[in-house]
Amino acid sequence: MSVAKKDYKRITTKSLIEMKANGEKISMLTAYDYTMAKIVDSSGVDVILVGDSASNVMAGHETTLPITLDQMIYHASSVVRAAERALVVVDLPFGSYQSDPREALRSSIRIMKESGGHAVKLEGGKEIKESIKKILNAGIPVMGHLGLTPQSIYKFGTYTVRAKEEAEAEKLIEDAKMLEKVGCFALVLEKIPSSLAKKVAETISIPVIGIGAGSGVDGQVLVLHDMIGMTHEFSPRFLRRYMNLYEDMTKAIGQYVDDVKSVDFPNANEQY
């Protein structure tokens, strides 16, 4: 059943908590540059995630690990200049927060000051608790991320569904409660059983955003390039492609090449 939406002129962390309380689902998409972020924002998306997935879709790396803090700030600043309504959340990249809470704070301050982002996102539970507390104590909003955590891919060794076993599921629930208790404003759950994700969303008061976590959570996030079909090799079960932009763009560019070769472009009306 659909819920009447409140008209938010600007989405804040408080807005998301209100949306959960009112039963309104939260929409979230990634963006990495000004032009795409402008389209996403004007389309009514609530949260724009400047994801470290830029390492994959923008730079062509196999994992999210290579992207640097400087590169994340560059992408985030481009997105912030485009966003007029959406809350902009920026991933802290691998190596910028895990080992030292003071380094985590320095990284977060750089993102907030140099990009203008509205919040940061970190992967992990109790093992990064002190880093999260340090960031929150400085007044910087934090979004958590549990389940499949791509920055730990070499630890897991696979991108398969997480928390299917009871022990890992119990740890995930405890980590979610901890993230809520220390002050995170929201939580992403990636690629876990839908029944577990629903249980987490019902257990904690902060919004739970799912990706491959079923419909029982408070909102959904997808990588923009996957959702609009710019990428075509990646086809997990949770991905719904709303366009096939790869095919459309390939066809259009091919036609451009043909028109240039045949001197059909530019025609008489396309010259000065």
C-alpha atoms as a PDB file:
ATOM      1  CA  MET A   1       0.000   0.000   0.000  1.00  0.00           C
ATOM      2  CA  SER A   2       1.372   3.390  -0.973  1.00  0.00           C
ATOM      3  CA  VAL A   3       1.813   6.115   1.637  1.00  0.00           C
ATOM      4  CA  ALA A   4       1.171   9.813   1.081  1.00  0.00           C
ATOM      5  CA  LYS A   5       4.484  11.573   0.609  1.00  0.00           C
ATOM      6  CA  LYS A   6       5.442  14.719   2.470  1.00  0.00           C
ATOM      7  CA  ASP A   7       6.802  17.426   0.200  1.00  0.00           C
ATOM      8  CA  TYR A   8      10.371  17.995   1.367  1.00  0.00           C
ATOM      9  CA  LYS A   9      12.136  20.956  -0.215  1.00  0.00           C
ATOM     10  CA  ARG A  10      15.435  19.626   1.106  1.00  0.00           C
ATOM     11  CA  ILE A  11      16.101  16.148   2.446  1.00  0.00           C
ATOM     12  CA  THR A  12      18.027  15.985   5.715  1.00  0.00           C
ATOM     13  CA  THR A  13      18.947  13.168   8.073  1.00  0.00           C
ATOM     14  CA  LYS A  14      15.878  14.187  10.114  1.00  0.00           C
ATOM     15  CA  SER A  15      13.710  13.868   6.992  1.00  0.00           C
ATOM     16  CA  LEU A  16      14.753  10.231   6.547  1.00  0.00           C
ATOM     17  CA  ILE A  17      13.890   9.368  10.149  1.00  0.00           C
ATOM     18  CA  GLU A  18      10.488  11.034   9.654  1.00  0.00           C
ATOM     19  CA  MET A  19       9.947   9.052   6.466  1.00  0.00           C
ATOM     20  CA  LYS A  20      10.561   5.778   8.292  1.00  0.00           C
ATOM     21  CA  ALA A  21       8.213   6.805  11.112  1.00  0.00           C
ATOM     22  CA  ASN A  22       5.521   7.697   8.555  1.00  0.00           C
ATOM     23  CA  GLY A  23       5.965   4.493   6.544  1.00  0.00           C
ATOM     24  CA  GLU A  24       7.247   6.301   3.451  1.00  0.00           C
ATOM     25  CA  LYS A  25       9.905   4.374   1.547  1.00  0.00           C
ATOM     26  CA  ILE A  26      13.241   6.087   0.867  1.00  0.00           C
ATOM     27  CA  SER A  27      14.747   6.197  -2.628  1.00  0.00           C
ATOM     28  CA  MET A  28      18.528   6.285  -3.019  1.00  0.00           C
ATOM     29  CA  LEU A  29      20.778   6.138  -6.085  1.00  0.00           C
ATOM     30  CA  THR A  30      24.462   6.653  -6.754  1.00  0.00           C
ATOM     31  CA  ALA A  31      25.912   9.504  -8.791  1.00  0.00           C
ATOM     32  CA  TYR A  32      29.490  10.539  -9.421  1.00  0.00           C
ATOM     33  CA  ASP A  33      29.375  13.639 -11.667  1.00  0.00           C
ATOM     34  CA  TYR A  34      27.478  16.906 -12.035  1.00  0.00           C
ATOM     35  CA  THR A  35      25.381  16.071 -15.100  1.00  0.00           C
ATOM     36  CA  MET A  36      24.070  12.726 -13.855  1.00  0.00           C
ATOM     37  CA  ALA A  37      23.529  14.055 -10.334  1.00  0.00           C
ATOM     38  CA  LYS A  38      21.456  16.926 -11.749  1.00  0.00           C
ATOM     39  CA  ILE A  39      19.165  14.426 -13.478  1.00  0.00           C
ATOM     40  CA  VAL A  40      18.919  12.171 -10.413  1.00  0.00           C
ATOM     41  CA  ASP A  41      18.168  15.083  -8.097  1.00  0.00           C
ATOM     42  CA  SER A  42      15.531  16.622 -10.360  1.00  0.00           C
ATOM     43  CA  SER A  43      13.834  13.221 -10.643  1.00  0.00           C
ATOM     44  CA  GLY A  44      12.975  13.257  -6.940  1.00  0.00           C
ATOM     45  CA  VAL A  45      15.484  10.790  -5.477  1.00  0.00           C
ATOM     46  CA  ASP A  46      15.783  11.310  -1.718  1.00  0.00           C
ATOM     47  CA  VAL A  47      19.431  10.375  -1.201  1.00  0.00           C
ATOM     48  CA  ILE A  48      22.359  10.507  -3.616  1.00  0.00           C
ATOM     49  CA  LEU A  49      25.203   8.219  -2.635  1.00  0.00           C
ATOM     50  CA  VAL A  50      28.608   9.189  -3.960  1.00  0.00           C
ATOM     51  CA  GLY A  51      29.692   5.587  -3.755  1.00  0.00           C
ATOM     52  CA  ASP A  52      33.157   4.110  -3.846  1.00  0.00           C
ATOM     53  CA  SER A  53      31.578   2.091  -6.664  1.00  0.00           C
ATOM     54  CA  ALA A  54      32.988   4.955  -8.743  1.00  0.00           C
ATOM     55  CA  SER A  55      36.117   2.811  -8.630  1.00  0.00           C
ATOM     56  CA  ASN A  56      34.270   0.252 -10.764  1.00  0.00           C
ATOM     57  CA  VAL A  57      31.893   2.179 -13.005  1.00  0.00           C
ATOM     58  CA  MET A  58      33.929   5.350 -13.523  1.00  0.00           C
ATOM     59  CA  ALA A  59      37.517   4.103 -13.369  1.00  0.00           C
ATOM     60  CA  GLY A  60      37.162   0.478 -14.475  1.00  0.00           C
ATOM     61  CA  HIS A  61      38.766  -1.164 -11.450  1.00  0.00           C
ATOM     62  CA  GLU A  62      37.752  -4.698 -10.496  1.00  0.00           C
ATOM     63  CA  THR A  63      37.041  -3.723  -6.872  1.00  0.00           C
ATOM     64  CA  THR A  64      36.250  -0.587  -4.844  1.00  0.00           C
ATOM     65  CA  LEU A  65      39.612  -0.711  -3.057  1.00  0.00           C
ATOM     66  CA  PRO A  66      41.811   1.421  -5.389  1.00  0.00           C
ATOM     67  CA  ILE A  67      39.811   4.662  -5.240  1.00  0.00           C
ATOM     68  CA  THR A  68      41.467   7.347  -3.100  1.00  0.00           C
ATOM     69  CA  LEU A  69      40.135   9.964  -0.707  1.00  0.00           C
ATOM     70  CA  ASP A  70      41.145  12.729  -3.120  1.00  0.00           C
ATOM     71  CA  GLN A  71      39.208  11.036  -5.918  1.00  0.00           C
ATOM     72  CA  MET A  72      36.129  10.607  -3.712  1.00  0.00           C
ATOM     73  CA  ILE A  73      36.260  14.302  -2.825  1.00  0.00           C
ATOM     74  CA  TYR A  74      36.447  15.189  -6.535  1.00  0.00           C
ATOM     75  CA  HIS A  75      33.382  13.082  -7.355  1.00  0.00           C
ATOM     76  CA  ALA A  76      31.477  14.304  -4.299  1.00  0.00           C
ATOM     77  CA  SER A  77      32.108  17.983  -4.990  1.00  0.00           C
ATOM     78  CA  SER A  78      30.763  17.519  -8.530  1.00  0.00           C
ATOM     79  CA  VAL A  79      27.583  15.905  -7.169  1.00  0.00           C
ATOM     80  CA  VAL A  80      27.053  18.477  -4.422  1.00  0.00           C
ATOM     81  CA  ARG A  81      27.073  21.298  -6.985  1.00  0.00           C
ATOM     82  CA  ALA A  82      24.143  19.603  -8.728  1.00  0.00           C
ATOM     83  CA  ALA A  83      22.005  18.560  -5.761  1.00  0.00           C
ATOM     84  CA  GLU A  84      19.268  20.969  -4.731  1.00  0.00           C
ATOM     85  CA  ARG A  85      16.935  18.577  -2.882  1.00  0.00           C
ATOM     86  CA  ALA A  86      18.647  15.261  -2.185  1.00  0.00           C
ATOM     87  CA  LEU A  87      20.805  14.427   0.806  1.00  0.00           C
ATOM     88  CA  VAL A  88      24.334  13.704  -0.443  1.00  0.00           C
ATOM     89  CA  VAL A  89      26.111  10.857   1.367  1.00  0.00           C
ATOM     90  CA  VAL A  90      29.776  10.177   0.567  1.00  0.00           C
ATOM     91  CA  ASP A  91      31.575   6.853   1.015  1.00  0.00           C
ATOM     92  CA  LEU A  92      34.771   6.902   2.995  1.00  0.00           C
ATOM     93  CA  PRO A  93      37.141   4.874   0.793  1.00  0.00           C
ATOM     94  CA  PHE A  94      39.118   1.842   1.849  1.00  0.00           C
ATOM     95  CA  GLY A  95      42.090   2.717   4.057  1.00  0.00           C
ATOM     96  CA  SER A  96      40.778   6.096   5.168  1.00  0.00           C
ATOM     97  CA  TYR A  97      39.088   5.051   8.435  1.00  0.00           C
ATOM     98  CA  GLN A  98      39.593   1.396   9.423  1.00  0.00           C
ATOM     99  CA  SER A  99      42.796   1.421  11.451  1.00  0.00           C
ATOM    100  CA  ASP A 100      42.796   4.733  13.307  1.00  0.00           C
ATOM    101  CA  PRO A 101      39.810   6.744  14.619  1.00  0.00           C
ATOM    102  CA  ARG A 102      41.844   9.948  14.266  1.00  0.00           C
ATOM    103  CA  GLU A 103      42.488   9.156  10.605  1.00  0.00           C
ATOM    104  CA  ALA A 104      38.771   8.426  10.184  1.00  0.00           C
ATOM    105  CA  LEU A 105      37.947  11.858  11.585  1.00  0.00           C
ATOM    106  CA  ARG A 106      40.536  13.598   9.394  1.00  0.00           C
ATOM    107  CA  SER A 107      39.149  11.841   6.298  1.00  0.00           C
ATOM    108  CA  SER A 108      35.573  12.769   7.188  1.00  0.00           C
ATOM    109  CA  ILE A 109      36.456  16.398   7.847  1.00  0.00           C
ATOM    110  CA  ARG A 110      38.183  16.611   4.462  1.00  0.00           C
ATOM    111  CA  ILE A 111      35.092  15.227   2.730  1.00  0.00           C
ATOM    112  CA  MET A 112      32.745  17.636   4.513  1.00  0.00           C
ATOM    113  CA  LYS A 113      34.952  20.719   4.040  1.00  0.00           C
ATOM    114  CA  GLU A 114      36.294  20.090   0.535  1.00  0.00           C
ATOM    115  CA  SER A 115      33.255  18.525  -1.139  1.00  0.00           C
ATOM    116  CA  GLY A 116      30.341  20.025   0.776  1.00  0.00           C
ATOM    117  CA  GLY A 117      28.810  16.571   1.289  1.00  0.00           C
ATOM    118  CA  HIS A 118      26.127  16.182   3.923  1.00  0.00           C
ATOM    119  CA  ALA A 119      27.164  12.864   5.531  1.00  0.00           C
ATOM    120  CA  VAL A 120      29.642  10.015   5.262  1.00  0.00           C
ATOM    121  CA  LYS A 121      29.147   6.251   4.997  1.00  0.00           C
ATOM    122  CA  LEU A 122      31.390   3.589   6.521  1.00  0.00           C
ATOM    123  CA  GLU A 123      31.417  -0.195   6.104  1.00  0.00           C
ATOM    124  CA  GLY A 124      31.529  -2.400   9.183  1.00  0.00           C
ATOM    125  CA  GLY A 125      30.235  -2.991  12.700  1.00  0.00           C
ATOM    126  CA  LYS A 126      31.860  -3.164  16.119  1.00  0.00           C
ATOM    127  CA  GLU A 127      35.357  -3.295  14.619  1.00  0.00           C
ATOM    128  CA  ILE A 128      35.009   0.344  13.499  1.00  0.00           C
ATOM    129  CA  LYS A 129      32.895   1.549  16.432  1.00  0.00           C
ATOM    130  CA  GLU A 130      35.561   3.925  17.753  1.00  0.00           C
ATOM    131  CA  SER A 131      36.028   5.506  14.317  1.00  0.00           C
ATOM    132  CA  ILE A 132      32.281   6.085  14.021  1.00  0.00           C
ATOM    133  CA  LYS A 133      32.096   7.628  17.505  1.00  0.00           C
ATOM    134  CA  LYS A 134      35.016   9.933  16.717  1.00  0.00           C
ATOM    135  CA  ILE A 135      33.308  11.166  13.538  1.00  0.00           C
ATOM    136  CA  LEU A 136      29.935  11.600  15.232  1.00  0.00           C
ATOM    137  CA  ASN A 137      31.498  13.516  18.125  1.00  0.00           C
ATOM    138  CA  ALA A 138      32.676  16.087  15.577  1.00  0.00           C
ATOM    139  CA  GLY A 139      29.080  16.617  14.445  1.00  0.00           C
ATOM    140  CA  ILE A 140      29.391  14.721  11.155  1.00  0.00           C
ATOM    141  CA  PRO A 141      26.394  12.483  10.300  1.00  0.00           C
ATOM    142  CA  VAL A 142      27.259   8.822   9.678  1.00  0.00           C
ATOM    143  CA  MET A 143      25.425   6.175   7.665  1.00  0.00           C
ATOM    144  CA  GLY A 144      26.402   2.578   8.448  1.00  0.00           C
ATOM    145  CA  HIS A 145      26.799  -0.345   6.042  1.00  0.00           C
ATOM    146  CA  LEU A 146      26.494  -4.040   6.973  1.00  0.00           C
ATOM    147  CA  GLY A 147      26.097  -7.359   5.188  1.00  0.00           C
ATOM    148  CA  LEU A 148      28.174  -7.633   2.049  1.00  0.00           C
ATOM    149  CA  THR A 149      30.840  -4.975   2.502  1.00  0.00           C
ATOM    150  CA  PRO A 150      32.712  -4.673  -0.810  1.00  0.00           C
ATOM    151  CA  GLN A 151      35.796  -3.102   0.772  1.00  0.00           C
ATOM    152  CA  SER A 152      36.315  -6.455   2.553  1.00  0.00           C
ATOM    153  CA  ILE A 153      35.994  -8.534  -0.607  1.00  0.00           C
ATOM    154  CA  TYR A 154      39.407 -10.140  -0.227  1.00  0.00           C
ATOM    155  CA  LYS A 155      38.502 -11.181   3.321  1.00  0.00           C
ATOM    156  CA  PHE A 156      35.228 -12.753   2.190  1.00  0.00           C
ATOM    157  CA  GLY A 157      36.624 -14.021  -1.121  1.00  0.00           C
ATOM    158  CA  THR A 158      33.223 -13.814  -2.807  1.00  0.00           C
ATOM    159  CA  TYR A 159      30.275 -11.499  -3.503  1.00  0.00           C
ATOM    160  CA  THR A 160      27.705 -14.116  -2.462  1.00  0.00           C
ATOM    161  CA  VAL A 161      24.855 -13.462  -0.007  1.00  0.00           C
ATOM    162  CA  ARG A 162      26.032 -12.739   3.543  1.00  0.00           C
ATOM    163  CA  ALA A 163      24.575 -13.666   6.964  1.00  0.00           C
ATOM    164  CA  LYS A 164      22.846 -16.866   5.879  1.00  0.00           C
ATOM    165  CA  GLU A 165      24.347 -18.707   8.863  1.00  0.00           C
ATOM    166  CA  GLU A 166      22.915 -18.077  12.321  1.00  0.00           C
ATOM    167  CA  ALA A 167      26.121 -16.791  13.923  1.00  0.00           C
ATOM    168  CA  GLU A 168      26.745 -14.187  11.225  1.00  0.00           C
ATOM    169  CA  ALA A 169      23.078 -13.167  11.262  1.00  0.00           C
ATOM    170  CA  GLU A 170      23.179 -12.638  15.033  1.00  0.00           C
ATOM    171  CA  LYS A 171      26.352 -10.551  14.715  1.00  0.00           C
ATOM    172  CA  LEU A 172      24.722  -8.432  12.013  1.00  0.00           C
ATOM    173  CA  ILE A 173      21.708  -7.719  14.243  1.00  0.00           C
ATOM    174  CA  GLU A 174      23.979  -6.787  17.158  1.00  0.00           C
ATOM    175  CA  ASP A 175      26.072  -4.551  14.905  1.00  0.00           C
ATOM    176  CA  ALA A 176      22.913  -2.838  13.623  1.00  0.00           C
ATOM    177  CA  LYS A 177      21.766  -2.157  17.192  1.00  0.00           C
ATOM    178  CA  MET A 178      25.222  -0.809  18.033  1.00  0.00           C
ATOM    179  CA  LEU A 179      25.221   1.526  15.016  1.00  0.00           C
ATOM    180  CA  GLU A 180      21.844   2.888  16.085  1.00  0.00           C
ATOM    181  CA  LYS A 181      22.987   3.293  19.698  1.00  0.00           C
ATOM    182  CA  VAL A 182      26.176   5.200  18.897  1.00  0.00           C
ATOM    183  CA  GLY A 183      24.209   7.646  16.721  1.00  0.00           C
ATOM    184  CA  CYS A 184      24.207   6.618  13.044  1.00  0.00           C
ATOM    185  CA  PHE A 185      21.237   8.191  11.256  1.00  0.00           C
ATOM    186  CA  ALA A 186      20.691   5.312   8.809  1.00  0.00           C
ATOM    187  CA  LEU A 187      22.034   1.937   7.727  1.00  0.00           C
ATOM    188  CA  VAL A 188      22.612   0.186   4.399  1.00  0.00           C
ATOM    189  CA  LEU A 189      22.141  -3.599   4.312  1.00  0.00           C
ATOM    190  CA  GLU A 190      23.681  -5.248   1.254  1.00  0.00           C
ATOM    191  CA  LYS A 191      22.943  -8.698  -0.138  1.00  0.00           C
ATOM    192  CA  ILE A 192      21.506 -10.481   2.898  1.00  0.00           C
ATOM    193  CA  PRO A 193      18.383 -12.681   3.279  1.00  0.00           C
ATOM    194  CA  SER A 194      15.198 -10.612   3.032  1.00  0.00           C
ATOM    195  CA  SER A 195      13.791 -12.089   6.257  1.00  0.00           C
ATOM    196  CA  LEU A 196      16.868 -10.956   8.192  1.00  0.00           C
ATOM    197  CA  ALA A 197      16.795  -7.481   6.647  1.00  0.00           C
ATOM    198  CA  LYS A 198      13.126  -7.116   7.568  1.00  0.00           C
ATOM    199  CA  LYS A 199      13.892  -8.159  11.138  1.00  0.00           C
ATOM    200  CA  VAL A 200      16.660  -5.554  11.397  1.00  0.00           C
ATOM    201  CA  ALA A 201      14.403  -2.807  10.004  1.00  0.00           C
ATOM    202  CA  GLU A 202      11.722  -3.692  12.550  1.00  0.00           C
ATOM    203  CA  THR A 203      14.232  -3.889  15.420  1.00  0.00           C
ATOM    204  CA  ILE A 204      15.935  -0.504  15.057  1.00  0.00           C
ATOM    205  CA  SER A 205      14.406   2.965  14.783  1.00  0.00           C
ATOM    206  CA  ILE A 206      16.794   4.403  12.184  1.00  0.00           C
ATOM    207  CA  PRO A 207      16.075   3.929   8.455  1.00  0.00           C
ATOM    208  CA  VAL A 208      17.405   0.758   6.829  1.00  0.00           C
ATOM    209  CA  ILE A 209      18.220   1.026   3.107  1.00  0.00           C
ATOM    210  CA  GLY A 210      18.537  -2.240   1.233  1.00  0.00           C
ATOM    211  CA  ILE A 211      20.401  -3.414  -1.836  1.00  0.00           C
ATOM    212  CA  GLY A 212      19.662  -7.045  -2.478  1.00  0.00           C
ATOM    213  CA  ALA A 213      17.932  -7.171   0.921  1.00  0.00           C
ATOM    214  CA  GLY A 214      14.274  -7.510  -0.070  1.00  0.00           C
ATOM    215  CA  SER A 215      11.275  -5.222   0.292  1.00  0.00           C
ATOM    216  CA  GLY A 216      10.853  -5.317   4.064  1.00  0.00           C
ATOM    217  CA  VAL A 217      13.310  -2.485   4.682  1.00  0.00           C
ATOM    218  CA  ASP A 218      12.746   1.284   4.702  1.00  0.00           C
ATOM    219  CA  GLY A 219      14.197   2.097   1.291  1.00  0.00           C
ATOM    220  CA  GLN A 220      16.254   0.902  -1.649  1.00  0.00           C
ATOM    221  CA  VAL A 221      19.550   1.853  -3.296  1.00  0.00           C
ATOM    222  CA  LEU A 222      21.008   0.856  -6.653  1.00  0.00           C
ATOM    223  CA  VAL A 223      24.068   1.879  -8.628  1.00  0.00           C
ATOM    224  CA  LEU A 224      22.768   4.351 -11.225  1.00  0.00           C
ATOM    225  CA  HIS A 225      24.818   2.941 -14.109  1.00  0.00           C
ATOM    226  CA  ASP A 226      23.373  -0.521 -13.448  1.00  0.00           C
ATOM    227  CA  MET A 227      19.791   0.723 -13.065  1.00  0.00           C
ATOM    228  CA  ILE A 228      19.764   2.624 -16.377  1.00  0.00           C
ATOM    229  CA  GLY A 229      21.570  -0.152 -18.215  1.00  0.00           C
ATOM    230  CA  MET A 230      24.833   1.595 -19.022  1.00  0.00           C
ATOM    231  CA  THR A 231      26.579  -1.476 -17.627  1.00  0.00           C
ATOM    232  CA  HIS A 232      25.515  -4.792 -19.138  1.00  0.00           C
ATOM    233  CA  GLU A 233      27.913  -7.428 -17.783  1.00  0.00           C
ATOM    234  CA  PHE A 234      26.608  -7.197 -14.186  1.00  0.00           C
ATOM    235  CA  SER A 235      23.229  -8.905 -13.639  1.00  0.00           C
ATOM    236  CA  PRO A 236      22.559  -9.894 -10.009  1.00  0.00           C
ATOM    237  CA  ARG A 237      19.074 -11.021  -9.001  1.00  0.00           C
ATOM    238  CA  PHE A 238      18.342  -7.788  -7.107  1.00  0.00           C
ATOM    239  CA  LEU A 239      19.010  -5.501 -10.095  1.00  0.00           C
ATOM    240  CA  ARG A 240      16.075  -4.147 -12.095  1.00  0.00           C
ATOM    241  CA  ARG A 241      17.146  -2.339 -15.260  1.00  0.00           C
ATOM    242  CA  TYR A 242      14.769   0.509 -16.041  1.00  0.00           C
ATOM    243  CA  MET A 243      16.497   1.276 -19.357  1.00  0.00           C
ATOM    244  CA  ASN A 244      18.919  -0.386 -21.752  1.00  0.00           C
ATOM    245  CA  LEU A 245      21.125   2.637 -22.233  1.00  0.00           C
ATOM    246  CA  TYR A 246      24.119   0.558 -23.300  1.00  0.00           C
ATOM    247  CA  GLU A 247      22.214  -0.638 -26.375  1.00  0.00           C
ATOM    248  CA  ASP A 248      20.704   2.786 -27.106  1.00  0.00           C
ATOM    249  CA  MET A 249      24.047   4.571 -26.812  1.00  0.00           C
ATOM    250  CA  THR A 250      25.915   1.982 -28.862  1.00  0.00           C
ATOM    251  CA  LYS A 251      23.323   2.312 -31.616  1.00  0.00           C
ATOM    252  CA  ALA A 252      23.379   6.138 -31.520  1.00  0.00           C
ATOM    253  CA  ILE A 253      27.175   6.370 -31.557  1.00  0.00           C
ATOM    254  CA  GLY A 254      27.365   3.838 -34.362  1.00  0.00           C
ATOM    255  CA  GLN A 255      24.919   5.931 -36.377  1.00  0.00           C
ATOM    256  CA  TYR A 256      27.042   9.046 -35.704  1.00  0.00           C
ATOM    257  CA  VAL A 257      30.133   7.259 -36.985  1.00  0.00           C
ATOM    258  CA  ASP A 258      28.273   6.200 -40.156  1.00  0.00           C
ATOM    259  CA  ASP A 259      26.953   9.736 -40.708  1.00  0.00           C
ATOM    260  CA  VAL A 260      30.430  11.263 -40.344  1.00  0.00           C
ATOM    261  CA  LYS A 261      31.963   8.703 -42.713  1.00  0.00           C
ATOM    262  CA  SER A 262      29.243   9.261 -45.324  1.00  0.00           C
ATOM    263  CA  VAL A 263      29.354  13.085 -44.921  1.00  0.00           C
ATOM    264  CA  ASP A 264      25.685  13.027 -43.947  1.00  0.00           C
ATOM    265  CA  PHE A 265      26.677  14.943 -40.821  1.00  0.00           C
ATOM    266  CA  PRO A 266      26.786  17.892 -40.709  1.00  0.00           C
ATOM    267  CA  ASN A 267      24.110  18.681 -43.281  1.00  0.00           C
ATOM    268  CA  ALA A 268      23.331  22.132 -44.708  1.00  0.00           C
ATOM    269  CA  ASN A 269      21.203  23.116 -41.692  1.00  0.00           C
ATOM    270  CA  GLU A 270      23.951  22.152 -39.259  1.00  0.00           C
ATOM    271  CA  GLN A 271      26.543  24.590 -40.598  1.00  0.00           C
ATOM    272  CA  TYR A 272      27.223  28.326 -40.265  1.00  0.00           C
END
